[in-house]
Amino acid sequence: MIKKPLTFMAVLLLAACASTPATNFYVLEAVSQAPPQASKNLKKRLVGVGPITLPPLLDRKQIVTRTLMNGIEVAEFHQWASPLKDNVLEALTQNLTQLQPESFIRPYPWSAYGTVNYRVLVDVIRFDTRPGIAVNFEATWAVMDESNHSIIDHGRSKISHALIDKSYPATVHALSQVLGQFSAELALVLQKL
C-alpha cells in the first residue's frame, strides 16, 4: 500500500522536471564602429580600464529587469553567460579599443602588461531595462593619471533609450547599445589627454 503513493510521487516529480524550460544564456557585445585613424607619429599610450563596480542587485547570474511600482523581476531562465561585471568590462574594453586606435586599452587587472599611463574607473549605478518601455544606464567615472595618482577628469553619464521589444535578446542588445554609447563618451574624454 505504501508503494502506490511513492510511485505516484515519483511520477509527479519526473513530470515536473520534464516541463522545466531550458535556460538561455546571453553576453553583451561590443558595438561595431569604424575606428578613427590613428596618428602614426604618436607613441601609443597604455590605458587601463577598471576596476568596474556594479550594484549588488545586478551582480548576479540572472538578468534583472525593472517592473512598475519599483519592483524587479529576476529571470531564472535568462542568465548572463559570464559574471556581468566581467562582461561589462570586456565589452567596454573592446569598444574603447575600436574607438581609440592611438592607445593600447587593457582590462583590469593589467599587471601582465606592466604599468599603465592612465586608468579609467567606472562605478555603474544603473544598467537595467523596463522591457517594452526603456533601457537605462547611469555611471560615475574618473580618469586617473597613474604616474602621480591624480584625477584628470571625472563625470557622470546617464543614458536612456526607448525599448519597444519585450524579449530578452532585445533587452541584451539594447544594453550593449547603451554601453557602446557610454564607451563613445569615454573615448572623447581620452582623446583630449
Protein backbone atom coordinates (compact mmCIF):
# COMPACT_ATOMS: atom_id res chain seq x y z
CA MET A 1 0.00 0.00 0.00
CA ILE A 2 2.90 2.38 0.65
CA LYS A 3 4.36 1.62 -2.80
CA LYS A 4 1.47 3.28 -4.71
CA PRO A 5 1.82 6.76 -3.10
CA LEU A 6 5.61 6.66 -3.53
CA THR A 7 5.29 5.64 -7.18
CA PHE A 8 2.72 8.38 -7.75
CA MET A 9 5.01 11.00 -6.15
CA ALA A 10 7.96 9.84 -8.28
CA VAL A 11 5.88 10.18 -11.46
CA LEU A 12 4.80 13.70 -10.40
CA LEU A 13 8.40 14.73 -9.72
CA LEU A 14 9.57 13.38 -13.08
CA ALA A 15 6.74 15.20 -14.86
CA ALA A 16 7.69 18.47 -13.12
CA CYS A 17 11.33 18.05 -14.15
CA ALA A 18 10.39 17.30 -17.74
CA SER A 19 8.42 20.56 -18.05
CA THR A 20 11.18 22.88 -16.78
CA PRO A 21 12.10 25.34 -19.55
CA ALA A 22 15.64 25.48 -20.85
CA THR A 23 17.91 28.24 -19.53
CA ASN A 24 19.02 30.82 -22.12
CA PHE A 25 22.42 32.49 -21.75
CA TYR A 26 23.42 35.94 -23.03
CA VAL A 27 26.53 38.11 -23.45
CA LEU A 28 27.00 41.81 -24.02
CA GLU A 29 28.62 42.56 -27.37
CA ALA A 30 30.96 45.33 -28.38
CA VAL A 31 29.28 47.79 -30.72
CA SER A 32 30.90 47.68 -34.16
CA GLN A 33 32.18 51.12 -35.02
CA ALA A 34 34.56 52.42 -37.64
CA PRO A 35 37.68 53.42 -35.68
CA PRO A 36 39.17 56.86 -36.25
CA GLN A 37 42.53 56.96 -37.97
CA ALA A 38 45.46 56.71 -35.58
CA SER A 39 48.33 59.15 -35.95
CA LYS A 40 51.49 57.29 -36.98
CA ASN A 41 53.78 59.77 -35.22
CA LEU A 42 52.37 59.37 -31.73
CA LYS A 43 53.71 56.90 -29.21
CA LYS A 44 50.83 54.69 -28.12
CA ARG A 45 49.82 55.13 -24.52
CA LEU A 46 48.56 52.34 -22.30
CA VAL A 47 45.09 52.88 -20.84
CA GLY A 48 43.76 50.55 -18.17
CA VAL A 49 40.01 50.09 -17.78
CA GLY A 50 38.75 49.16 -14.34
CA PRO A 51 38.02 48.14 -11.84
CA ILE A 52 34.31 48.40 -12.54
CA THR A 53 31.70 48.22 -9.81
CA LEU A 54 28.06 47.16 -10.18
CA PRO A 55 25.15 47.49 -7.76
CA PRO A 56 24.71 44.26 -5.75
CA LEU A 57 21.21 43.96 -7.23
CA LEU A 58 22.69 43.44 -10.71
CA ASP A 59 25.77 41.44 -9.71
CA ARG A 60 24.15 38.03 -10.20
CA LYS A 61 23.83 35.46 -12.98
CA GLN A 62 20.14 36.12 -13.67
CA ILE A 63 19.10 39.07 -15.81
CA VAL A 64 17.30 41.67 -13.70
CA THR A 65 14.60 43.89 -15.18
CA ARG A 66 12.50 46.56 -13.55
CA THR A 67 8.74 46.44 -13.30
CA LEU A 68 6.21 49.11 -12.45
CA MET A 69 5.90 50.38 -8.89
CA ASN A 70 9.66 49.98 -8.18
CA GLY A 71 9.57 46.20 -8.47
CA ILE A 72 12.18 43.95 -10.03
CA GLU A 73 12.00 40.68 -11.90
CA VAL A 74 14.83 38.17 -11.69
CA ALA A 75 14.78 35.90 -14.75
CA GLU A 76 15.71 32.42 -13.62
CA PHE A 77 15.79 31.06 -17.18
CA HIS A 78 17.52 34.08 -18.81
CA GLN A 79 21.04 34.43 -17.45
CA TRP A 80 24.40 36.03 -18.20
CA ALA A 81 26.88 33.55 -19.69
CA SER A 82 29.67 35.01 -17.53
CA PRO A 83 29.69 37.31 -14.49
CA LEU A 84 28.07 40.59 -15.55
CA LYS A 85 30.92 42.69 -14.14
CA ASP A 86 33.44 40.79 -16.31
CA ASN A 87 31.17 41.04 -19.36
CA VAL A 88 30.72 44.83 -18.94
CA LEU A 89 34.48 45.25 -18.56
CA GLU A 90 35.17 43.14 -21.66
CA ALA A 91 32.62 44.96 -23.85
CA LEU A 92 33.80 48.37 -22.62
CA THR A 93 37.44 47.45 -23.33
CA GLN A 94 36.59 46.20 -26.83
CA ASN A 95 34.57 49.34 -27.58
CA LEU A 96 37.37 51.64 -26.42
CA THR A 97 39.92 49.63 -28.42
CA GLN A 98 37.89 50.31 -31.56
CA LEU A 99 37.39 53.98 -30.70
CA GLN A 100 40.96 54.68 -29.52
CA PRO A 101 43.39 53.20 -32.07
CA GLU A 102 46.13 55.50 -30.75
CA SER A 103 46.01 53.72 -27.37
CA PHE A 104 46.55 50.23 -26.04
CA ILE A 105 43.43 49.51 -23.99
CA ARG A 106 43.77 46.82 -21.31
CA PRO A 107 41.17 45.46 -18.88
CA TYR A 108 41.76 45.32 -15.13
CA PRO A 109 43.93 43.71 -13.81
CA TRP A 110 46.63 44.68 -16.30
CA SER A 111 49.73 43.64 -14.34
CA ALA A 112 50.78 41.31 -17.18
CA TYR A 113 51.18 44.41 -19.37
CA GLY A 114 53.23 46.39 -16.85
CA THR A 115 52.09 49.78 -15.67
CA VAL A 116 49.51 51.89 -17.47
CA ASN A 117 49.66 55.61 -18.27
CA TYR A 118 46.00 56.23 -17.44
CA ARG A 119 43.27 54.36 -15.63
CA VAL A 120 39.52 54.62 -16.25
CA LEU A 121 37.44 53.85 -13.15
CA VAL A 122 33.72 53.17 -13.59
CA ASP A 123 31.04 52.90 -10.91
CA VAL A 124 27.84 51.66 -12.56
CA ILE A 125 24.72 52.90 -10.76
CA ARG A 126 22.04 51.64 -13.18
CA PHE A 127 22.24 49.12 -16.02
CA ASP A 128 18.75 47.76 -16.46
CA THR A 129 15.63 47.79 -18.57
CA ARG A 130 11.92 48.03 -18.34
CA PRO A 131 11.01 45.63 -21.15
CA GLY A 132 8.79 47.32 -23.69
CA ILE A 133 9.48 50.75 -22.14
CA ALA A 134 13.13 51.81 -21.75
CA VAL A 135 16.76 50.82 -21.20
CA ASN A 136 18.70 52.80 -18.57
CA PHE A 137 22.39 53.28 -17.89
CA GLU A 138 23.92 55.52 -15.27
CA ALA A 139 27.50 55.61 -14.04
CA THR A 140 30.10 57.84 -12.48
CA TRP A 141 33.59 57.65 -13.96
CA ALA A 142 37.06 59.06 -13.43
CA VAL A 143 40.25 59.11 -15.48
CA MET A 144 43.39 58.88 -13.34
CA ASP A 145 46.99 59.67 -14.27
CA GLU A 146 48.85 56.64 -12.94
CA SER A 147 52.21 58.45 -12.71
CA ASN A 148 51.01 60.61 -9.81
CA HIS A 149 47.59 59.05 -8.98
CA SER A 150 45.72 62.29 -9.69
CA ILE A 151 42.25 62.53 -11.18
CA ILE A 152 42.48 64.23 -14.58
CA ASP A 153 38.79 64.20 -15.42
CA HIS A 154 35.58 62.79 -13.96
CA GLY A 155 31.89 62.85 -14.65
CA ARG A 156 28.51 61.21 -14.57
CA SER A 157 26.83 59.62 -17.57
CA LYS A 158 23.12 58.98 -17.82
CA ILE A 159 21.75 57.29 -20.93
CA SER A 160 18.17 56.22 -21.56
CA HIS A 161 16.51 54.93 -24.73
CA ALA A 162 13.06 53.68 -25.58
CA LEU A 163 12.76 49.89 -25.82
CA ILE A 164 9.67 48.62 -27.60
CA ASP A 165 10.58 44.92 -27.74
CA LYS A 166 9.95 42.93 -24.54
CA SER A 167 12.17 39.94 -25.43
CA TYR A 168 15.39 39.12 -23.57
CA PRO A 169 17.54 39.14 -26.75
CA ALA A 170 16.28 42.68 -27.47
CA THR A 171 16.95 43.67 -23.86
CA VAL A 172 20.56 42.44 -24.01
CA HIS A 173 21.08 44.09 -27.41
CA ALA A 174 19.80 47.41 -26.01
CA LEU A 175 22.12 47.12 -23.01
CA SER A 176 25.04 46.55 -25.42
CA GLN A 177 23.99 49.67 -27.34
CA VAL A 178 23.91 51.96 -24.28
CA LEU A 179 27.26 50.56 -23.17
CA GLY A 180 28.55 51.43 -26.64
CA GLN A 181 27.25 54.98 -26.26
CA PHE A 182 28.94 55.26 -22.86
CA SER A 183 32.17 54.00 -24.45
CA ALA A 184 31.93 56.77 -27.05
CA GLU A 185 31.60 59.35 -24.25
CA LEU A 186 34.71 57.96 -22.53
CA ALA A 187 36.60 57.87 -25.84
CA LEU A 188 36.03 61.63 -26.27
CA VAL A 189 37.49 62.22 -22.81
CA LEU A 190 40.54 60.04 -23.56
CA GLN A 191 41.06 61.81 -26.88
CA LYS A 192 41.75 65.06 -25.01
CA LEU A 193 44.59 63.60 -22.93
